[in-house]
Every structure is written in C-alpha cells, then in structure tokens.
PDB file of N, CA and C in Angstrom:
ATOM      1  N   MET A   1      46.711-101.392 -10.747  1.00  0.00           N
ATOM      2  CA  MET A   1      47.396-100.152 -10.430  1.00  0.00           C
ATOM      3  C   MET A   1      48.894-100.291 -10.779  1.00  0.00           C
ATOM      4  N   GLU A   2      49.443-101.457 -10.564  1.00  0.00           N
ATOM      5  CA  GLU A   2      50.898-101.642 -10.876  1.00  0.00           C
ATOM      6  C   GLU A   2      51.152-101.443 -12.319  1.00  0.00           C
ATOM      7  N   LYS A   3      50.271-101.854 -13.156  1.00  0.00           N
ATOM      8  CA  LYS A   3      50.384-101.651 -14.606  1.00  0.00           C
ATOM      9  C   LYS A   3      50.385-100.168 -14.980  1.00  0.00           C
ATOM     10  N   ASP A   4      49.534 -99.369 -14.276  1.00  0.00           N
ATOM     11  CA  ASP A   4      49.489 -97.936 -14.509  1.00  0.00           C
ATOM     12  C   ASP A   4      50.781 -97.269 -14.041  1.00  0.00           C
ATOM     13  N   ILE A   5      51.302 -97.729 -12.894  1.00  0.00           N
ATOM     14  CA  ILE A   5      52.510 -97.140 -12.400  1.00  0.00           C
ATOM     15  C   ILE A   5      53.671 -97.391 -13.344  1.00  0.00           C
ATOM     16  N   GLN A   6      53.741 -98.593 -13.916  1.00  0.00           N
ATOM     17  CA  GLN A   6      54.810 -98.967 -14.902  1.00  0.00           C
ATOM     18  C   GLN A   6      54.678 -98.088 -16.141  1.00  0.00           C
ATOM     19  N   LYS A   7      53.460 -97.903 -16.599  1.00  0.00           N
ATOM     20  CA  LYS A   7      53.246 -97.061 -17.787  1.00  0.00           C
ATOM     21  C   LYS A   7      53.644 -95.657 -17.553  1.00  0.00           C
ATOM     22  N   LEU A   8      53.319 -95.091 -16.278  1.00  0.00           N
ATOM     23  CA  LEU A   8      53.671 -93.789 -15.950  1.00  0.00           C
ATOM     24  C   LEU A   8      55.150 -93.636 -15.837  1.00  0.00           C
ATOM     25  N   VAL A   9      55.812 -94.635 -15.357  1.00  0.00           N
ATOM     26  CA  VAL A   9      57.259 -94.600 -15.256  1.00  0.00           C
ATOM     27  C   VAL A   9      57.870 -94.534 -16.658  1.00  0.00           C
ATOM     28  N   GLU A  10      57.277 -95.227 -17.632  1.00  0.00           N
ATOM     29  CA  GLU A  10      57.805 -95.177 -19.009  1.00  0.00           C
ATOM     30  C   GLU A  10      57.570 -93.740 -19.594  1.00  0.00           C
ATOM     31  N   ILE A  11      56.474 -93.230 -19.315  1.00  0.00           N
ATOM     32  CA  ILE A  11      56.122 -91.819 -19.851  1.00  0.00           C
ATOM     33  C   ILE A  11      57.006 -90.786 -19.214  1.00  0.00           C
ATOM     34  N   LEU A  12      57.172 -90.817 -17.866  1.00  0.00           N
ATOM     35  CA  LEU A  12      58.058 -89.861 -17.240  1.00  0.00           C
ATOM     36  C   LEU A  12      59.505 -90.067 -17.687  1.00  0.00           C
ATOM     37  N   SER A  13      59.886 -91.253 -17.910  1.00  0.00           N
ATOM     38  CA  SER A  13      61.293 -91.504 -18.432  1.00  0.00           C
ATOM     39  C   SER A  13      61.458 -90.837 -19.829  1.00  0.00           C
ATOM     40  N   LEU A  14      60.487 -91.003 -20.658  1.00  0.00           N
ATOM     41  CA  LEU A  14      60.517 -90.377 -21.987  1.00  0.00           C
ATOM     42  C   LEU A  14      60.555 -88.832 -21.920  1.00  0.00           C
ATOM     43  N   LEU A  15      59.694 -88.273 -21.033  1.00  0.00           N
ATOM     44  CA  LEU A  15      59.611 -86.836 -20.781  1.00  0.00           C
ATOM     45  C   LEU A  15      60.957 -86.266 -20.263  1.00  0.00           C
ATOM     46  N   ARG A  16      61.640 -87.114 -19.370  1.00  0.00           N
ATOM     47  CA  ARG A  16      62.909 -86.680 -18.841  1.00  0.00           C
ATOM     48  C   ARG A  16      64.000 -86.711 -19.934  1.00  0.00           C
ATOM     49  N   ALA A  17      63.987 -87.722 -20.730  1.00  0.00           N
ATOM     50  CA  ALA A  17      64.967 -87.808 -21.849  1.00  0.00           C
ATOM     51  C   ALA A  17      64.832 -86.688 -22.821  1.00  0.00           C
ATOM     52  N   ASP A  18      63.515 -86.360 -23.198  1.00  0.00           N
ATOM     53  CA  ASP A  18      63.290 -85.274 -24.142  1.00  0.00           C
ATOM     54  C   ASP A  18      63.655 -83.970 -23.471  1.00  0.00           C
ATOM     55  N   SER A  19      63.400 -83.778 -22.247  1.00  0.00           N
ATOM     56  CA  SER A  19      63.688 -82.522 -21.534  1.00  0.00           C
ATOM     57  C   SER A  19      65.191 -82.361 -21.450  1.00  0.00           C
ATOM     58  N   ILE A  20      65.977 -83.425 -21.178  1.00  0.00           N
ATOM     59  CA  ILE A  20      67.478 -83.289 -21.198  1.00  0.00           C
ATOM     60  C   ILE A  20      67.920 -83.009 -22.570  1.00  0.00           C
ATOM     61  N   SER A  21      67.403 -83.724 -23.582  1.00  0.00           N
ATOM     62  CA  SER A  21      67.895 -83.546 -24.957  1.00  0.00           C
ATOM     63  C   SER A  21      67.591 -82.188 -25.583  1.00  0.00           C
ATOM     64  N   HIS A  22      66.507 -81.624 -25.111  1.00  0.00           N
ATOM     65  CA  HIS A  22      66.079 -80.332 -25.774  1.00  0.00           C
ATOM     66  C   HIS A  22      65.933 -79.193 -24.738  1.00  0.00           C
ATOM     67  N   GLN A  23      66.790 -79.187 -23.751  1.00  0.00           N
ATOM     68  CA  GLN A  23      66.673 -78.140 -22.773  1.00  0.00           C
ATOM     69  C   GLN A  23      67.041 -76.759 -23.312  1.00  0.00           C
ATOM     70  N   THR A  24      67.760 -76.695 -24.433  1.00  0.00           N
ATOM     71  CA  THR A  24      68.046 -75.387 -25.017  1.00  0.00           C
ATOM     72  C   THR A  24      67.047 -75.037 -26.112  1.00  0.00           C
ATOM     73  N   ASN A  25      66.086 -75.970 -26.410  1.00  0.00           N
ATOM     74  CA  ASN A  25      65.047 -75.772 -27.366  1.00  0.00           C
ATOM     75  C   ASN A  25      63.686 -76.104 -26.838  1.00  0.00           C
ATOM     76  N   PRO A  26      63.185 -75.288 -25.964  1.00  0.00           N
ATOM     77  CA  PRO A  26      61.862 -75.575 -25.378  1.00  0.00           C
ATOM     78  C   PRO A  26      60.717 -75.591 -26.367  1.00  0.00           C
ATOM     79  N   ASP A  27      60.933 -74.939 -27.513  1.00  0.00           N
ATOM     80  CA  ASP A  27      59.838 -75.012 -28.488  1.00  0.00           C
ATOM     81  C   ASP A  27      59.599 -76.373 -28.981  1.00  0.00           C
ATOM     82  N   PHE A  28      60.605 -77.209 -29.149  1.00  0.00           N
ATOM     83  CA  PHE A  28      60.449 -78.583 -29.531  1.00  0.00           C
ATOM     84  C   PHE A  28      59.594 -79.313 -28.506  1.00  0.00           C
ATOM     85  N   LEU A  29      59.843 -79.051 -27.235  1.00  0.00           N
ATOM     86  CA  LEU A  29      59.084 -79.753 -26.172  1.00  0.00           C
ATOM     87  C   LEU A  29      57.598 -79.314 -26.214  1.00  0.00           C
ATOM     88  N   MET A  30      57.425 -77.981 -26.373  1.00  0.00           N
ATOM     89  CA  MET A  30      56.053 -77.481 -26.374  1.00  0.00           C
ATOM     90  C   MET A  30      55.282 -77.939 -27.587  1.00  0.00           C
ATOM     91  N   ASP A  31      55.935 -78.080 -28.690  1.00  0.00           N
ATOM     92  CA  ASP A  31      55.318 -78.499 -29.948  1.00  0.00           C
ATOM     93  C   ASP A  31      54.981 -80.009 -29.863  1.00  0.00           C
ATOM     94  N   LYS A  32      55.927 -80.818 -29.337  1.00  0.00           N
ATOM     95  CA  LYS A  32      55.667 -82.237 -29.254  1.00  0.00           C
ATOM     96  C   LYS A  32      54.641 -82.590 -28.277  1.00  0.00           C
ATOM     97  N   TYR A  33      54.666 -81.954 -27.130  1.00  0.00           N
ATOM     98  CA  TYR A  33      53.672 -82.263 -26.023  1.00  0.00           C
ATOM     99  C   TYR A  33      52.830 -81.002 -25.897  1.00  0.00           C
ATOM    100  N   ALA A  34      51.902 -80.804 -26.780  1.00  0.00           N
ATOM    101  CA  ALA A  34      51.143 -79.517 -26.875  1.00  0.00           C
ATOM    102  C   ALA A  34      50.416 -79.119 -25.609  1.00  0.00           C
ATOM    103  N   ASP A  35      50.014 -80.062 -24.798  1.00  0.00           N
ATOM    104  CA  ASP A  35      49.216 -79.794 -23.588  1.00  0.00           C
ATOM    105  C   ASP A  35      50.075 -79.687 -22.295  1.00  0.00           C
ATOM    106  N   LEU A  36      51.383 -79.790 -22.498  1.00  0.00           N
ATOM    107  CA  LEU A  36      52.288 -79.837 -21.328  1.00  0.00           C
ATOM    108  C   LEU A  36      53.302 -78.698 -21.425  1.00  0.00           C
ATOM    109  N   ILE A  37      53.380 -77.977 -20.327  1.00  0.00           N
ATOM    110  CA  ILE A  37      54.334 -76.832 -20.258  1.00  0.00           C
ATOM    111  C   ILE A  37      55.566 -77.280 -19.415  1.00  0.00           C
ATOM    112  N   PHE A  38      56.703 -77.082 -20.022  1.00  0.00           N
ATOM    113  CA  PHE A  38      57.958 -77.361 -19.357  1.00  0.00           C
ATOM    114  C   PHE A  38      58.488 -76.039 -18.805  1.00  0.00           C
ATOM    115  N   LEU A  39      58.699 -76.028 -17.501  1.00  0.00           N
ATOM    116  CA  LEU A  39      59.146 -74.809 -16.779  1.00  0.00           C
ATOM    117  C   LEU A  39      60.506 -75.001 -16.140  1.00  0.00           C
ATOM    118  N   GLY A  40      60.983 -73.956 -15.574  1.00  0.00           N
ATOM    119  CA  GLY A  40      62.302 -73.970 -14.861  1.00  0.00           C
ATOM    120  C   GLY A  40      63.423 -73.502 -15.797  1.00  0.00           C
ATOM    121  N   ASP A  41      64.536 -73.230 -15.199  1.00  0.00           N
ATOM    122  CA  ASP A  41      65.677 -72.772 -15.928  1.00  0.00           C
ATOM    123  C   ASP A  41      66.119 -73.761 -16.970  1.00  0.00           C
ATOM    124  N   LYS A  42      65.926 -75.060 -16.717  1.00  0.00           N
ATOM    125  CA  LYS A  42      66.392 -76.135 -17.582  1.00  0.00           C
ATOM    126  C   LYS A  42      65.201 -76.788 -18.345  1.00  0.00           C
ATOM    127  N   TYR A  43      64.021 -76.237 -18.199  1.00  0.00           N
ATOM    128  CA  TYR A  43      62.786 -76.814 -18.753  1.00  0.00           C
ATOM    129  C   TYR A  43      62.614 -78.282 -18.322  1.00  0.00           C
ATOM    130  N   ASN A  44      62.750 -78.459 -16.998  1.00  0.00           N
ATOM    131  CA  ASN A  44      62.692 -79.805 -16.482  1.00  0.00           C
ATOM    132  C   ASN A  44      61.646 -79.984 -15.427  1.00  0.00           C
ATOM    133  N   VAL A  45      60.675 -78.976 -15.297  1.00  0.00           N
ATOM    134  CA  VAL A  45      59.644 -78.998 -14.320  1.00  0.00           C
ATOM    135  C   VAL A  45      58.306 -79.038 -15.048  1.00  0.00           C
ATOM    136  N   ILE A  46      57.421 -79.986 -14.626  1.00  0.00           N
ATOM    137  CA  ILE A  46      56.075 -80.072 -15.203  1.00  0.00           C
ATOM    138  C   ILE A  46      55.102 -80.193 -14.015  1.00  0.00           C
ATOM    139  N   TYR A  47      53.812 -80.030 -14.358  1.00  0.00           N
ATOM    140  CA  TYR A  47      52.768 -80.129 -13.339  1.00  0.00           C
ATOM    141  C   TYR A  47      51.836 -81.235 -13.718  1.00  0.00           C
ATOM    142  N   SER A  48      51.392 -81.983 -12.746  1.00  0.00           N
ATOM    143  CA  SER A  48      50.611 -83.181 -12.996  1.00  0.00           C
ATOM    144  C   SER A  48      49.258 -82.924 -13.623  1.00  0.00           C
ATOM    145  N   HIS A  49      48.607 -81.809 -13.362  1.00  0.00           N
ATOM    146  CA  HIS A  49      47.303 -81.567 -13.918  1.00  0.00           C
ATOM    147  C   HIS A  49      47.411 -81.325 -15.395  1.00  0.00           C
ATOM    148  N   GLU A  50      48.596 -80.861 -15.936  1.00  0.00           N
ATOM    149  CA  GLU A  50      48.804 -80.787 -17.346  1.00  0.00           C
ATOM    150  C   GLU A  50      49.249 -82.127 -17.894  1.00  0.00           C
ATOM    151  N   LEU A  51      50.026 -82.834 -17.070  1.00  0.00           N
ATOM    152  CA  LEU A  51      50.480 -84.173 -17.459  1.00  0.00           C
ATOM    153  C   LEU A  51      49.291 -85.067 -17.707  1.00  0.00           C
ATOM    154  N   PHE A  52      48.217 -84.970 -16.907  1.00  0.00           N
ATOM    155  CA  PHE A  52      47.010 -85.756 -17.129  1.00  0.00           C
ATOM    156  C   PHE A  52      46.490 -85.611 -18.534  1.00  0.00           C
ATOM    157  N   ILE A  53      46.421 -84.376 -19.033  1.00  0.00           N
ATOM    158  CA  ILE A  53      45.905 -84.103 -20.353  1.00  0.00           C
ATOM    159  C   ILE A  53      46.843 -84.838 -21.408  1.00  0.00           C
ATOM    160  N   THR A  54      48.136 -84.613 -21.237  1.00  0.00           N
ATOM    161  CA  THR A  54      49.122 -85.143 -22.155  1.00  0.00           C
ATOM    162  C   THR A  54      49.032 -86.706 -22.188  1.00  0.00           C
ATOM    163  N   ILE A  55      48.934 -87.301 -21.022  1.00  0.00           N
ATOM    164  CA  ILE A  55      48.814 -88.733 -20.856  1.00  0.00           C
ATOM    165  C   ILE A  55      47.652 -89.301 -21.683  1.00  0.00           C
ATOM    166  N   ASN A  56      46.586 -88.642 -21.522  1.00  0.00           N
ATOM    167  CA  ASN A  56      45.324 -89.101 -22.272  1.00  0.00           C
ATOM    168  C   ASN A  56      45.381 -88.722 -23.760  1.00  0.00           C
ATOM    169  N   ASN A  57      45.834 -87.540 -24.149  1.00  0.00           N
ATOM    170  CA  ASN A  57      45.771 -87.154 -25.542  1.00  0.00           C
ATOM    171  C   ASN A  57      46.956 -87.640 -26.350  1.00  0.00           C
ATOM    172  N   TYR A  58      48.153 -87.587 -25.790  1.00  0.00           N
ATOM    173  CA  TYR A  58      49.390 -87.923 -26.589  1.00  0.00           C
ATOM    174  C   TYR A  58      49.714 -89.334 -26.380  1.00  0.00           C
ATOM    175  N   PHE A  59      49.708 -89.865 -25.166  1.00  0.00           N
ATOM    176  CA  PHE A  59      50.146 -91.247 -24.908  1.00  0.00           C
ATOM    177  C   PHE A  59      48.963 -92.253 -24.888  1.00  0.00           C
ATOM    178  N   HIS A  60      47.715 -91.772 -24.989  1.00  0.00           N
ATOM    179  CA  HIS A  60      46.598 -92.563 -25.081  1.00  0.00           C
ATOM    180  C   HIS A  60      46.464 -93.554 -23.942  1.00  0.00           C
ATOM    181  N   MET A  61      46.844 -93.087 -22.753  1.00  0.00           N
ATOM    182  CA  MET A  61      46.669 -93.886 -21.550  1.00  0.00           C
ATOM    183  C   MET A  61      45.336 -93.535 -20.933  1.00  0.00           C
ATOM    184  N   ASN A  62      44.458 -94.418 -20.795  1.00  0.00           N
ATOM    185  CA  ASN A  62      43.162 -94.146 -20.238  1.00  0.00           C
ATOM    186  C   ASN A  62      43.235 -94.246 -18.693  1.00  0.00           C
ATOM    187  N   ILE A  63      43.320 -93.070 -18.023  1.00  0.00           N
ATOM    188  CA  ILE A  63      43.403 -93.063 -16.533  1.00  0.00           C
ATOM    189  C   ILE A  63      42.639 -91.804 -16.105  1.00  0.00           C
ATOM    190  N   SER A  64      41.991 -91.894 -14.952  1.00  0.00           N
ATOM    191  CA  SER A  64      41.319 -90.764 -14.405  1.00  0.00           C
ATOM    192  C   SER A  64      42.349 -89.832 -13.699  1.00  0.00           C
ATOM    193  N   ASN A  65      42.019 -88.562 -13.592  1.00  0.00           N
ATOM    194  CA  ASN A  65      42.963 -87.576 -12.905  1.00  0.00           C
ATOM    195  C   ASN A  65      43.192 -88.067 -11.483  1.00  0.00           C
ATOM    196  N   ASP A  66      42.093 -88.457 -10.805  1.00  0.00           N
ATOM    197  CA  ASP A  66      42.290 -88.944  -9.413  1.00  0.00           C
ATOM    198  C   ASP A  66      43.189 -90.150  -9.315  1.00  0.00           C
ATOM    199  N   SER A  67      43.083 -91.101 -10.202  1.00  0.00           N
ATOM    200  CA  SER A  67      44.025 -92.272 -10.225  1.00  0.00           C
ATOM    201  C   SER A  67      45.415 -91.837 -10.502  1.00  0.00           C
ATOM    202  N   LEU A  68      45.577 -90.976 -11.473  1.00  0.00           N
ATOM    203  CA  LEU A  68      46.944 -90.413 -11.769  1.00  0.00           C
ATOM    204  C   LEU A  68      47.584 -89.797 -10.602  1.00  0.00           C
ATOM    205  N   GLN A  69      46.794 -88.973  -9.919  1.00  0.00           N
ATOM    206  CA  GLN A  69      47.375 -88.205  -8.752  1.00  0.00           C
ATOM    207  C   GLN A  69      47.800 -89.188  -7.614  1.00  0.00           C
ATOM    208  N   GLU A  70      47.077 -90.376  -7.553  1.00  0.00           N
ATOM    209  CA  GLU A  70      47.418 -91.333  -6.543  1.00  0.00           C
ATOM    210  C   GLU A  70      48.758 -92.075  -6.857  1.00  0.00           C
ATOM    211  N   ILE A  71      49.065 -92.260  -8.094  1.00  0.00           N
ATOM    212  CA  ILE A  71      50.237 -93.054  -8.476  1.00  0.00           C
ATOM    213  C   ILE A  71      51.543 -92.242  -8.786  1.00  0.00           C
ATOM    214  N   ILE A  72      51.307 -90.926  -8.932  1.00  0.00           N
ATOM    215  CA  ILE A  72      52.447 -90.104  -9.264  1.00  0.00           C
ATOM    216  C   ILE A  72      53.590 -90.226  -8.208  1.00  0.00           C
ATOM    217  N   PRO A  73      53.292 -90.150  -6.894  1.00  0.00           N
ATOM    218  CA  PRO A  73      54.419 -90.337  -5.966  1.00  0.00           C
ATOM    219  C   PRO A  73      55.199 -91.620  -6.111  1.00  0.00           C
ATOM    220  N   ALA A  74      54.488 -92.702  -6.342  1.00  0.00           N
ATOM    221  CA  ALA A  74      55.210 -93.996  -6.456  1.00  0.00           C
ATOM    222  C   ALA A  74      56.031 -94.083  -7.749  1.00  0.00           C
ATOM    223  N   ALA A  75      55.535 -93.553  -8.846  1.00  0.00           N
ATOM    224  CA  ALA A  75      56.311 -93.477 -10.095  1.00  0.00           C
ATOM    225  C   ALA A  75      57.543 -92.639  -9.986  1.00  0.00           C
ATOM    226  N   CYS A  76      57.329 -91.412  -9.408  1.00  0.00           N
ATOM    227  CA  CYS A  76      58.401 -90.501  -9.209  1.00  0.00           C
ATOM    228  C   CYS A  76      59.504 -91.080  -8.287  1.00  0.00           C
ATOM    229  N   ASN A  77      59.079 -91.789  -7.239  1.00  0.00           N
ATOM    230  CA  ASN A  77      60.042 -92.452  -6.327  1.00  0.00           C
ATOM    231  C   ASN A  77      60.837 -93.425  -7.027  1.00  0.00           C
ATOM    232  N   LEU A  78      60.285 -94.250  -7.919  1.00  0.00           N
ATOM    233  CA  LEU A  78      61.035 -95.232  -8.667  1.00  0.00           C
ATOM    234  C   LEU A  78      62.079 -94.623  -9.560  1.00  0.00           C
ATOM    235  N   LEU A  79      61.833 -93.387 -10.077  1.00  0.00           N
ATOM    236  CA  LEU A  79      62.715 -92.708 -10.961  1.00  0.00           C
ATOM    237  C   LEU A  79      63.606 -91.675 -10.233  1.00  0.00           C
ATOM    238  N   ASN A  80      63.481 -91.607  -8.937  1.00  0.00           N
ATOM    239  CA  ASN A  80      64.209 -90.571  -8.150  1.00  0.00           C
ATOM    240  C   ASN A  80      63.946 -89.169  -8.619  1.00  0.00           C
ATOM    241  N   MET A  81      62.724 -88.923  -8.955  1.00  0.00           N
ATOM    242  CA  MET A  81      62.245 -87.594  -9.383  1.00  0.00           C
ATOM    243  C   MET A  81      61.673 -86.849  -8.157  1.00  0.00           C
ATOM    244  N   ASP A  82      61.960 -85.623  -8.024  1.00  0.00           N
ATOM    245  CA  ASP A  82      61.329 -84.802  -7.011  1.00  0.00           C
ATOM    246  C   ASP A  82      59.830 -84.608  -7.374  1.00  0.00           C
ATOM    247  N   CYS A  83      58.990 -84.784  -6.404  1.00  0.00           N
ATOM    248  CA  CYS A  83      57.568 -84.701  -6.635  1.00  0.00           C
ATOM    249  C   CYS A  83      56.955 -83.939  -5.423  1.00  0.00           C
ATOM    250  N   THR A  84      56.550 -82.629  -5.619  1.00  0.00           N
ATOM    251  CA  THR A  84      56.062 -81.854  -4.593  1.00  0.00           C
ATOM    252  C   THR A  84      54.537 -81.676  -4.675  1.00  0.00           C
ATOM    253  N   PRO A  85      53.840 -82.120  -3.577  1.00  0.00           N
ATOM    254  CA  PRO A  85      52.367 -81.890  -3.641  1.00  0.00           C
ATOM    255  C   PRO A  85      51.970 -80.467  -3.496  1.00  0.00           C
ATOM    256  N   LEU A  86      50.977 -80.041  -4.295  1.00  0.00           N
ATOM    257  CA  LEU A  86      50.518 -78.685  -4.244  1.00  0.00           C
ATOM    258  C   LEU A  86      49.039 -78.664  -3.950  1.00  0.00           C
ATOM    259  N   LYS A  87      48.631 -77.687  -3.175  1.00  0.00           N
ATOM    260  CA  LYS A  87      47.193 -77.517  -2.828  1.00  0.00           C
ATOM    261  C   LYS A  87      46.676 -76.198  -3.280  1.00  0.00           C
ATOM    262  N   MET A  88      45.376 -76.143  -3.483  1.00  0.00           N
ATOM    263  CA  MET A  88      44.728 -74.847  -3.813  1.00  0.00           C
ATOM    264  C   MET A  88      44.581 -74.098  -2.492  1.00  0.00           C
ATOM    265  N   LEU A  89      44.766 -72.808  -2.605  1.00  0.00           N
ATOM    266  CA  LEU A  89      44.651 -71.962  -1.391  1.00  0.00           C
ATOM    267  C   LEU A  89      43.282 -72.112  -0.715  1.00  0.00           C
ATOM    268  N   LYS A  90      42.298 -72.225  -1.491  1.00  0.00           N
ATOM    269  CA  LYS A  90      40.958 -72.357  -0.924  1.00  0.00           C
ATOM    270  C   LYS A  90      40.657 -73.708  -0.310  1.00  0.00           C
ATOM    271  N   ASP A  91      41.621 -74.616  -0.485  1.00  0.00           N
ATOM    272  CA  ASP A  91      41.378 -76.020  -0.086  1.00  0.00           C
ATOM    273  C   ASP A  91      42.566 -76.556   0.715  1.00  0.00           C
ATOM    274  N   LEU A  92      43.175 -75.720   1.525  1.00  0.00           N
ATOM    275  CA  LEU A  92      44.396 -76.111   2.251  1.00  0.00           C
ATOM    276  C   LEU A  92      44.183 -77.266   3.255  1.00  0.00           C
ATOM    277  N   ASN A  93      42.951 -77.441   3.776  1.00  0.00           N
ATOM    278  CA  ASN A  93      42.688 -78.487   4.752  1.00  0.00           C
ATOM    279  C   ASN A  93      42.444 -79.851   4.105  1.00  0.00           C
ATOM    280  N   ASN A  94      42.333 -79.868   2.777  1.00  0.00           N
ATOM    281  CA  ASN A  94      42.136 -81.113   2.151  1.00  0.00           C
ATOM    282  C   ASN A  94      43.452 -81.921   2.127  1.00  0.00           C
ATOM    283  N   PRO A  95      43.426 -83.146   2.620  1.00  0.00           N
ATOM    284  CA  PRO A  95      44.682 -83.937   2.654  1.00  0.00           C
ATOM    285  C   PRO A  95      45.186 -84.385   1.288  1.00  0.00           C
ATOM    286  N   THR A  96      44.331 -84.343   0.300  1.00  0.00           N
ATOM    287  CA  THR A  96      44.746 -84.779  -1.027  1.00  0.00           C
ATOM    288  C   THR A  96      45.208 -83.569  -1.826  1.00  0.00           C
ATOM    289  N   PRO A  97      46.414 -83.660  -2.394  1.00  0.00           N
ATOM    290  CA  PRO A  97      46.954 -82.536  -3.161  1.00  0.00           C
ATOM    291  C   PRO A  97      46.069 -82.275  -4.448  1.00  0.00           C
ATOM    292  N   PHE A  98      46.067 -81.021  -4.834  1.00  0.00           N
ATOM    293  CA  PHE A  98      45.429 -80.675  -6.105  1.00  0.00           C
ATOM    294  C   PHE A  98      46.185 -81.271  -7.280  1.00  0.00           C
ATOM    295  N   CYS A  99      47.527 -81.105  -7.261  1.00  0.00           N
ATOM    296  CA  CYS A  99      48.442 -81.599  -8.238  1.00  0.00           C
ATOM    297  C   CYS A  99      49.805 -81.786  -7.666  1.00  0.00           C
ATOM    298  N   TYR A 100      50.782 -82.200  -8.525  1.00  0.00           N
ATOM    299  CA  TYR A 100      52.172 -82.310  -8.134  1.00  0.00           C
ATOM    300  C   TYR A 100      53.035 -81.494  -9.031  1.00  0.00           C
ATOM    301  N   GLN A 101      54.097 -80.939  -8.493  1.00  0.00           N
ATOM    302  CA  GLN A 101      55.144 -80.332  -9.289  1.00  0.00           C
ATOM    303  C   GLN A 101      56.202 -81.391  -9.421  1.00  0.00           C
ATOM    304  N   ILE A 102      56.503 -81.784 -10.662  1.00  0.00           N
ATOM    305  CA  ILE A 102      57.470 -82.854 -10.896  1.00  0.00           C
ATOM    306  C   ILE A 102      58.694 -82.288 -11.503  1.00  0.00           C
ATOM    307  N   THR A 103      59.842 -82.538 -10.884  1.00  0.00           N
ATOM    308  CA  THR A 103      61.093 -82.140 -11.454  1.00  0.00           C
ATOM    309  C   THR A 103      61.686 -83.401 -12.089  1.00  0.00           C
ATOM    310  N   LEU A 104      61.793 -83.341 -13.477  1.00  0.00           N
ATOM    311  CA  LEU A 104      62.137 -84.562 -14.213  1.00  0.00           C
ATOM    312  C   LEU A 104      63.585 -84.955 -14.008  1.00  0.00           C
ATOM    313  N   TRP A 105      64.441 -83.971 -13.789  1.00  0.00           N
ATOM    314  CA  TRP A 105      65.942 -84.256 -13.559  1.00  0.00           C
ATOM    315  C   TRP A 105      66.553 -83.100 -12.891  1.00  0.00           C
TER     316      TRP A 105
END
C-alpha cells in the first residue's frame, strides 16, 4: 500500500503542477488528461472517480477503485491538498465515501 501511496503522490503532484501551469488554458488539461475534468475558477479541482480512470488509462497504474479511495486521504495529506469525502444521496448511511473532491492547490 505504501508503494501505491507514493505513486499517487507523484501523480497528484504532476496534476497540481499542470493545473498551476495551465490554469488559463483548461483545454490543454482536458486534452492531456482526457478522462479527467478540471473544475473550479482556477481549474484546480478534480474528483477521484474520474482520477481512477486517468490513473489506469494515462498513468498505467494498476489499482482498484476501492483501493484508490482508501489511499487518497493519505496521499492528499502528504501534499497538503484538501480532500473532501462525497457520498451518494441514496447511500448517506454508508461510512465509505463514494469519491473525493480533491483541490490540487
């Protein structure tokens, strides 16, 4: 699991750097990371359910969605990124979040 956290930290760091560098050109971000939508005024917010697809397709990291959701808080904490757990309305009693909203910077 530690190896996966380290790899996720590297990926999130790259996404942060690209988001900062291209905040005025969101088309670059959307073209480069086709499965990942950058949101917010500064194009610095992503969602982990889309990140999962990008991690597997673009970064070729073989990880399950459940495993990814487990390590996101630890990786975000290491990078001082805000990570907000989100739940489905139909599943509010489930203690496990559906996904995370990640603010890259």
